[in-house]
Amino acid sequence: MARVLLFGPLRDLAGWRERDLEATPASVFALRDLLAAEDARLGEALRGPGVQVALDQAIVRGDAPLHPKAEVAFLPPMSGG
């Protein structure tokens, strides 16, 4: 069972921080599409500029395959100075 984590404004938008999935999508992009199908505003935000994805606590670029025990975190754009 894969786990999805949302942080910052993404969490606020979705109304949840952590969620376990019954069935694990094949990839990060498939997961993002699944979440977008459930909540169009969240889907748009997940595709926004600067949103990063961490798979098992490592940042991934682009799509990546998921395994049943995967932990996928969507991180909002960071700012700093």
C-alpha atoms as a PDB file:
ATOM      1  CA  MET A   1       0.000   0.000   0.000  1.00  0.00           C
ATOM      2  CA  ALA A   2       1.662   3.213  -1.171  1.00  0.00           C
ATOM      3  CA  ARG A   3       1.560   6.326   1.001  1.00  0.00           C
ATOM      4  CA  VAL A   4       1.059   9.852  -0.330  1.00  0.00           C
ATOM      5  CA  LEU A   5       2.131  12.938   1.609  1.00  0.00           C
ATOM      6  CA  LEU A   6       1.247  16.557   0.848  1.00  0.00           C
ATOM      7  CA  PHE A   7       2.976  19.565   2.386  1.00  0.00           C
ATOM      8  CA  GLY A   8       2.264  23.272   2.775  1.00  0.00           C
ATOM      9  CA  PRO A   9      -0.329  24.818   0.474  1.00  0.00           C
ATOM     10  CA  LEU A  10      -0.847  21.469  -1.280  1.00  0.00           C
ATOM     11  CA  ARG A  11      -2.002  19.961   2.013  1.00  0.00           C
ATOM     12  CA  ASP A  12      -4.264  22.940   2.659  1.00  0.00           C
ATOM     13  CA  LEU A  13      -5.791  22.719  -0.807  1.00  0.00           C
ATOM     14  CA  ALA A  14      -6.490  18.984  -0.564  1.00  0.00           C
ATOM     15  CA  GLY A  15      -7.684  19.048   3.031  1.00  0.00           C
ATOM     16  CA  TRP A  16      -5.461  16.108   3.977  1.00  0.00           C
ATOM     17  CA  ARG A  17      -1.783  15.559   4.731  1.00  0.00           C
ATOM     18  CA  GLU A  18      -1.294  11.816   4.456  1.00  0.00           C
ATOM     19  CA  ARG A  19      -3.155   9.090   2.627  1.00  0.00           C
ATOM     20  CA  ASP A  20      -2.624   5.378   2.042  1.00  0.00           C
ATOM     21  CA  LEU A  21      -3.667   4.012  -1.347  1.00  0.00           C
ATOM     22  CA  GLU A  22      -5.376   0.655  -1.719  1.00  0.00           C
ATOM     23  CA  ALA A  23      -3.827   0.087  -5.140  1.00  0.00           C
ATOM     24  CA  THR A  24      -0.450   1.512  -6.105  1.00  0.00           C
ATOM     25  CA  PRO A  25      -0.337   3.364  -9.445  1.00  0.00           C
ATOM     26  CA  ALA A  26       2.431   2.312 -11.813  1.00  0.00           C
ATOM     27  CA  SER A  27       4.323   5.611 -11.673  1.00  0.00           C
ATOM     28  CA  VAL A  28       4.551   9.075 -10.163  1.00  0.00           C
ATOM     29  CA  PHE A  29       2.744  10.547 -13.168  1.00  0.00           C
ATOM     30  CA  ALA A  30      -0.030   7.936 -12.889  1.00  0.00           C
ATOM     31  CA  LEU A  31      -0.404   8.835  -9.206  1.00  0.00           C
ATOM     32  CA  ARG A  32      -0.594  12.523 -10.027  1.00  0.00           C
ATOM     33  CA  ASP A  33      -3.257  11.774 -12.661  1.00  0.00           C
ATOM     34  CA  LEU A  34      -5.230   9.706 -10.135  1.00  0.00           C
ATOM     35  CA  LEU A  35      -5.188  12.542  -7.612  1.00  0.00           C
ATOM     36  CA  ALA A  36      -6.147  15.038 -10.345  1.00  0.00           C
ATOM     37  CA  ALA A  37      -9.134  12.896 -11.360  1.00  0.00           C
ATOM     38  CA  GLU A  38     -10.374  13.046  -7.763  1.00  0.00           C
ATOM     39  CA  ASP A  39      -9.698  16.774  -7.252  1.00  0.00           C
ATOM     40  CA  ALA A  40      -9.105  18.978 -10.287  1.00  0.00           C
ATOM     41  CA  ARG A  41      -7.758  21.908  -8.217  1.00  0.00           C
ATOM     42  CA  LEU A  42      -5.226  19.662  -6.504  1.00  0.00           C
ATOM     43  CA  GLY A  43      -4.252  18.144  -9.851  1.00  0.00           C
ATOM     44  CA  GLU A  44      -3.603  21.585 -11.288  1.00  0.00           C
ATOM     45  CA  ALA A  45      -1.512  22.527  -8.250  1.00  0.00           C
ATOM     46  CA  LEU A  46       0.534  19.308  -8.453  1.00  0.00           C
ATOM     47  CA  ARG A  47       1.418  20.175 -12.058  1.00  0.00           C
ATOM     48  CA  GLY A  48       2.382  23.722 -11.111  1.00  0.00           C
ATOM     49  CA  PRO A  49       5.856  25.183 -11.501  1.00  0.00           C
ATOM     50  CA  GLY A  50       8.276  24.396  -8.724  1.00  0.00           C
ATOM     51  CA  VAL A  51       6.365  21.444  -7.239  1.00  0.00           C
ATOM     52  CA  GLN A  52       8.839  18.682  -6.457  1.00  0.00           C
ATOM     53  CA  VAL A  53       8.288  14.989  -5.799  1.00  0.00           C
ATOM     54  CA  ALA A  54      10.174  12.883  -3.307  1.00  0.00           C
ATOM     55  CA  LEU A  55      10.006   9.114  -3.722  1.00  0.00           C
ATOM     56  CA  ASP A  56      11.125   7.250  -0.611  1.00  0.00           C
ATOM     57  CA  GLN A  57      12.666  10.498   0.660  1.00  0.00           C
ATOM     58  CA  ALA A  58      14.728  11.198  -2.476  1.00  0.00           C
ATOM     59  CA  ILE A  59      13.815  13.930  -4.962  1.00  0.00           C
ATOM     60  CA  VAL A  60      12.954  12.538  -8.391  1.00  0.00           C
ATOM     61  CA  ARG A  61      12.831  14.434 -11.661  1.00  0.00           C
ATOM     62  CA  GLY A  62      10.151  13.467 -14.147  1.00  0.00           C
ATOM     63  CA  ASP A  63       8.335  10.157 -13.949  1.00  0.00           C
ATOM     64  CA  ALA A  64       9.477   7.207 -11.833  1.00  0.00           C
ATOM     65  CA  PRO A  65       8.015   3.735 -11.231  1.00  0.00           C
ATOM     66  CA  LEU A  66       6.293   3.089  -7.908  1.00  0.00           C
ATOM     67  CA  HIS A  67       6.405  -0.031  -5.767  1.00  0.00           C
ATOM     68  CA  PRO A  68       3.639  -1.136  -3.347  1.00  0.00           C
ATOM     69  CA  LYS A  69       5.388   0.276  -0.244  1.00  0.00           C
ATOM     70  CA  ALA A  70       6.411   3.565  -1.896  1.00  0.00           C
ATOM     71  CA  GLU A  71       6.201   6.828  -0.005  1.00  0.00           C
ATOM     72  CA  VAL A  72       5.509   9.716  -2.376  1.00  0.00           C
ATOM     73  CA  ALA A  73       5.662  13.281  -1.095  1.00  0.00           C
ATOM     74  CA  PHE A  74       4.563  16.288  -3.116  1.00  0.00           C
ATOM     75  CA  LEU A  75       6.496  19.376  -2.017  1.00  0.00           C
ATOM     76  CA  PRO A  76       5.363  22.920  -2.780  1.00  0.00           C
ATOM     77  CA  PRO A  77       7.689  25.428  -4.415  1.00  0.00           C
ATOM     78  CA  MET A  78      10.340  26.651  -2.021  1.00  0.00           C
ATOM     79  CA  SER A  79      11.405  30.228  -1.556  1.00  0.00           C
ATOM     80  CA  GLY A  80      14.172  31.634   0.484  1.00  0.00           C
ATOM     81  CA  GLY A  81      16.742  34.237   0.739  1.00  0.00           C
END
